[in-house]
N, C-alpha and C. Protein backbone atom coordinates (compact mmCIF):
# COMPACT_ATOMS: atom_id res chain seq x y z
N MET A 1 -117.58 92.87 -149.30
CA MET A 1 -116.91 91.85 -150.13
C MET A 1 -115.75 91.17 -148.89
N SER A 2 -116.08 89.99 -148.23
CA SER A 2 -115.42 88.96 -147.02
C SER A 2 -114.17 89.41 -147.33
N ASN A 3 -113.59 89.29 -145.91
CA ASN A 3 -112.18 89.35 -145.68
C ASN A 3 -110.89 87.80 -146.90
N SER A 4 -111.78 87.25 -146.92
CA SER A 4 -111.26 86.07 -148.13
C SER A 4 -111.16 86.40 -149.20
N THR A 5 -112.14 87.12 -149.63
CA THR A 5 -112.18 87.65 -150.54
C THR A 5 -111.54 88.80 -151.38
N THR A 6 -111.61 89.86 -150.59
CA THR A 6 -110.65 90.79 -150.27
C THR A 6 -108.73 90.22 -150.06
N ALA A 7 -108.49 89.23 -149.46
CA ALA A 7 -107.33 88.33 -149.33
C ALA A 7 -106.63 88.35 -150.78
N THR A 8 -107.71 87.65 -151.25
CA THR A 8 -107.55 86.84 -152.59
C THR A 8 -107.39 87.78 -153.87
N ASN A 9 -108.25 88.43 -153.51
CA ASN A 9 -108.34 90.11 -154.52
C ASN A 9 -106.18 90.62 -154.40
N GLU A 10 -105.94 90.75 -153.20
CA GLU A 10 -104.74 91.20 -153.00
C GLU A 10 -103.70 90.56 -153.51
N ILE A 11 -103.60 89.00 -153.18
CA ILE A 11 -102.62 88.57 -153.47
C ILE A 11 -102.63 88.30 -155.67
N ILE A 12 -104.38 88.57 -156.07
CA ILE A 12 -103.62 88.49 -157.59
C ILE A 12 -103.42 89.44 -157.91
N CYS A 13 -103.65 91.11 -157.54
CA CYS A 13 -102.84 91.97 -157.42
C CYS A 13 -101.78 91.93 -157.19
N GLN A 14 -101.03 91.40 -156.67
CA GLN A 14 -99.61 90.93 -156.35
C GLN A 14 -98.83 90.45 -157.22
N GLN A 15 -100.00 89.66 -157.60
CA GLN A 15 -99.35 88.81 -159.04
C GLN A 15 -99.45 89.77 -160.42
N PHE A 16 -100.03 90.75 -160.06
CA PHE A 16 -99.84 92.02 -161.58
C PHE A 16 -98.41 92.67 -161.30
N VAL A 17 -98.94 93.14 -159.98
CA VAL A 17 -97.60 94.17 -160.13
C VAL A 17 -95.85 92.92 -160.27
N GLU A 18 -96.35 91.95 -159.63
CA GLU A 18 -95.11 90.71 -160.22
C GLU A 18 -94.51 90.87 -161.55
N MET A 19 -95.84 90.84 -162.13
CA MET A 19 -95.36 90.87 -164.18
C MET A 19 -96.09 92.06 -164.88
N VAL A 20 -96.03 93.31 -164.21
CA VAL A 20 -96.38 94.30 -165.22
C VAL A 20 -95.31 95.19 -166.08
N THR A 21 -94.08 94.60 -165.82
CA THR A 21 -93.34 95.41 -166.46
C THR A 21 -92.79 93.67 -167.87
N ASP A 22 -93.10 92.67 -167.43
CA ASP A 22 -93.53 91.63 -168.86
C ASP A 22 -94.22 91.69 -169.29
N TYR A 23 -95.40 92.06 -168.79
CA TYR A 23 -96.47 92.86 -169.62
C TYR A 23 -96.27 93.66 -170.74
N LEU A 24 -95.77 94.39 -170.28
CA LEU A 24 -95.47 96.02 -170.95
C LEU A 24 -94.45 95.53 -172.29
N GLU A 25 -93.69 94.89 -171.71
CA GLU A 25 -92.66 94.63 -172.89
C GLU A 25 -93.22 93.32 -173.91
N GLY A 26 -94.55 93.20 -173.72
CA GLY A 26 -95.02 91.68 -174.72
C GLY A 26 -94.28 90.42 -174.43
N GLN A 27 -93.23 90.19 -172.83
CA GLN A 27 -92.56 88.98 -172.30
C GLN A 27 -93.76 87.71 -171.87
N LEU A 28 -94.30 87.86 -171.92
CA LEU A 28 -95.57 87.19 -171.20
C LEU A 28 -95.96 86.00 -172.29
N LEU A 29 -96.02 84.99 -171.47
CA LEU A 29 -96.35 83.78 -172.12
C LEU A 29 -97.72 83.94 -172.08
N GLU A 30 -98.65 83.34 -173.86
CA GLU A 30 -99.78 83.26 -174.17
C GLU A 30 -101.13 83.24 -172.52
N ALA A 31 -100.86 82.68 -171.92
CA ALA A 31 -101.98 82.49 -170.98
C ALA A 31 -101.73 83.14 -170.00
N GLU A 32 -99.99 83.45 -169.60
CA GLU A 32 -100.27 84.76 -168.95
C GLU A 32 -100.84 85.80 -169.40
N ALA A 33 -100.54 86.40 -170.37
CA ALA A 33 -101.41 87.69 -171.14
C ALA A 33 -102.97 87.40 -171.39
N ALA A 34 -103.23 86.64 -171.33
CA ALA A 34 -104.40 86.06 -171.51
C ALA A 34 -104.93 86.69 -170.08
N TRP A 35 -104.59 86.18 -168.77
CA TRP A 35 -104.80 86.04 -167.26
C TRP A 35 -104.65 87.71 -166.82
N THR A 36 -103.88 88.22 -167.86
CA THR A 36 -103.71 89.61 -166.87
C THR A 36 -104.10 90.65 -167.35
N ASP A 37 -104.59 90.19 -169.22
CA ASP A 37 -105.72 91.45 -169.71
C ASP A 37 -107.24 90.80 -168.72
N GLU A 38 -107.85 89.80 -168.75
CA GLU A 38 -108.76 89.32 -167.97
C GLU A 38 -108.82 90.35 -166.53
N HIS A 39 -107.43 90.30 -166.21
CA HIS A 39 -107.92 90.44 -164.42
C HIS A 39 -107.95 92.23 -164.74
N LEU A 40 -107.46 93.04 -165.70
CA LEU A 40 -107.53 94.07 -166.17
C LEU A 40 -108.62 94.37 -165.97
N ALA A 41 -109.64 93.67 -166.70
CA ALA A 41 -110.82 93.92 -167.16
C ALA A 41 -111.40 94.32 -166.16
N GLY A 42 -111.07 93.57 -165.12
CA GLY A 42 -112.32 93.96 -164.19
C GLY A 42 -111.71 94.89 -162.62
N CYS A 43 -110.16 95.13 -162.87
CA CYS A 43 -109.41 95.61 -161.57
C CYS A 43 -109.01 97.47 -161.94
N PRO A 44 -109.55 97.78 -161.24
CA PRO A 44 -109.70 99.11 -161.66
C PRO A 44 -108.30 99.82 -160.93
N HIS A 45 -108.30 99.39 -159.71
CA HIS A 45 -106.70 99.25 -159.25
C HIS A 45 -105.22 99.21 -160.00
N CYS A 46 -105.17 98.10 -160.57
CA CYS A 46 -104.73 97.56 -161.62
C CYS A 46 -104.35 97.74 -162.55
N ARG A 47 -105.45 98.70 -163.57
CA ARG A 47 -105.99 99.86 -164.62
C ARG A 47 -104.79 100.98 -164.09
N ALA A 48 -105.07 101.33 -163.24
CA ALA A 48 -104.42 102.87 -162.40
C ALA A 48 -103.18 102.36 -162.48
N TYR A 49 -102.55 101.50 -161.62
CA TYR A 49 -101.15 101.28 -161.72
C TYR A 49 -100.80 100.59 -163.29
N LEU A 50 -101.47 100.60 -164.11
CA LEU A 50 -100.52 100.14 -165.10
C LEU A 50 -100.31 101.49 -165.62
N GLU A 51 -101.55 102.30 -165.71
CA GLU A 51 -101.28 103.40 -166.41
C GLU A 51 -100.42 104.52 -165.61
N GLN A 52 -100.07 104.39 -164.41
CA GLN A 52 -98.90 105.56 -163.87
C GLN A 52 -97.19 104.43 -164.20
N MET A 53 -97.51 103.38 -164.58
CA MET A 53 -96.25 103.16 -164.82
C MET A 53 -95.68 103.06 -166.62
N ARG A 54 -96.67 103.02 -167.45
CA ARG A 54 -96.65 103.55 -168.59
C ARG A 54 -95.97 105.13 -168.74
N GLN A 55 -96.66 106.00 -167.68
CA GLN A 55 -95.98 107.37 -167.50
C GLN A 55 -95.12 107.44 -167.07
N THR A 56 -94.52 106.61 -166.37
CA THR A 56 -93.10 106.45 -165.55
C THR A 56 -92.20 106.29 -166.71
N ILE A 57 -92.62 105.23 -167.34
CA ILE A 57 -91.68 104.86 -167.91
C ILE A 57 -91.58 105.80 -169.44
N ALA A 58 -92.36 106.68 -169.61
CA ALA A 58 -92.41 107.31 -170.92
C ALA A 58 -91.95 108.66 -170.25
N ALA A 59 -92.01 109.26 -169.14
CA ALA A 59 -91.06 110.22 -168.27
C ALA A 59 -89.83 110.01 -168.48
N LEU A 60 -89.49 108.62 -167.96
CA LEU A 60 -87.78 107.88 -168.06
C LEU A 60 -87.29 108.53 -169.42
N ARG A 61 -88.18 108.07 -170.42
CA ARG A 61 -87.22 108.03 -172.00
C ARG A 61 -86.63 109.57 -172.15
N GLY A 62 -87.06 110.37 -171.41
CA GLY A 62 -86.74 111.69 -171.79
C GLY A 62 -85.01 112.16 -170.98
N PHE A 63 -84.36 111.15 -170.62
CA PHE A 63 -83.57 111.38 -169.22
C PHE A 63 -82.46 110.57 -170.11
N ALA A 64 -81.44 110.94 -170.37
CA ALA A 64 -80.24 110.62 -171.15
C ALA A 64 -79.31 109.44 -169.82
N GLU A 65 -78.84 108.80 -170.46
CA GLU A 65 -77.64 107.82 -169.26
C GLU A 65 -76.95 108.46 -168.91
N PRO A 66 -76.86 108.17 -167.91
CA PRO A 66 -75.31 109.30 -167.07
C PRO A 66 -74.33 108.12 -167.55
N GLY A 67 -73.15 109.15 -168.43
CA GLY A 67 -71.49 108.59 -168.74
C GLY A 67 -70.98 108.26 -167.68
N VAL A 68 -69.83 107.35 -167.47
CA VAL A 68 -68.57 107.74 -166.83
C VAL A 68 -67.43 108.23 -166.83
N ASP A 69 -66.84 108.91 -166.69
CA ASP A 69 -65.82 109.92 -166.95
C ASP A 69 -64.34 108.71 -167.72
N PRO A 70 -64.21 108.74 -168.66
CA PRO A 70 -63.21 107.36 -169.33
C PRO A 70 -61.98 107.50 -168.30
N ALA A 71 -61.38 108.18 -168.13
CA ALA A 71 -60.01 108.20 -166.74
C ALA A 71 -60.45 107.60 -165.36
N LEU A 72 -61.80 108.23 -165.54
CA LEU A 72 -62.17 107.27 -163.79
C LEU A 72 -62.83 105.77 -164.21
N ARG A 73 -63.46 105.52 -165.23
CA ARG A 73 -63.34 104.24 -165.38
C ARG A 73 -61.87 103.69 -165.51
N GLU A 74 -61.46 104.05 -166.00
CA GLU A 74 -60.13 103.28 -166.51
C GLU A 74 -59.23 102.88 -164.78
N ARG A 75 -59.43 104.15 -164.01
CA ARG A 75 -58.79 103.71 -162.79
C ARG A 75 -59.69 102.90 -161.75
N ILE A 76 -61.17 102.72 -161.85
CA ILE A 76 -61.91 101.84 -161.45
C ILE A 76 -61.14 100.29 -161.54
N LEU A 77 -61.30 100.44 -163.06
CA LEU A 77 -61.24 98.88 -163.47
C LEU A 77 -59.95 98.49 -163.57
N GLY A 78 -58.80 99.37 -163.49
CA GLY A 78 -57.66 99.46 -162.72
C GLY A 78 -57.11 98.88 -161.64
N SER A 79 -57.85 99.15 -160.76
CA SER A 79 -57.80 98.75 -159.61
C SER A 79 -58.70 97.63 -158.67
N LEU A 80 -58.97 96.92 -159.75
CA LEU A 80 -59.60 95.31 -159.41
C LEU A 80 -58.83 94.41 -159.55
N PRO A 81 -59.08 93.31 -159.09
CA PRO A 81 -57.79 92.29 -159.06
C PRO A 81 -57.79 91.53 -160.54
């Protein structure tokens, strides 16, 4: 593979990485989703990245969102102008 082909693939993969969250949330336009599906069909690296993102999201669902002590929250909000 030539250097220009490698550079082009890196740019395409970088575009995928930037779109992955929207892809997983079904927020892409139809044309973007089609481009992404086409890219994924031929790119094992991005397929692996997508699977890693899915696993990370699934793992994070098990964590509760941290709460803030109500008294501390009021002190912080009360100190704001």
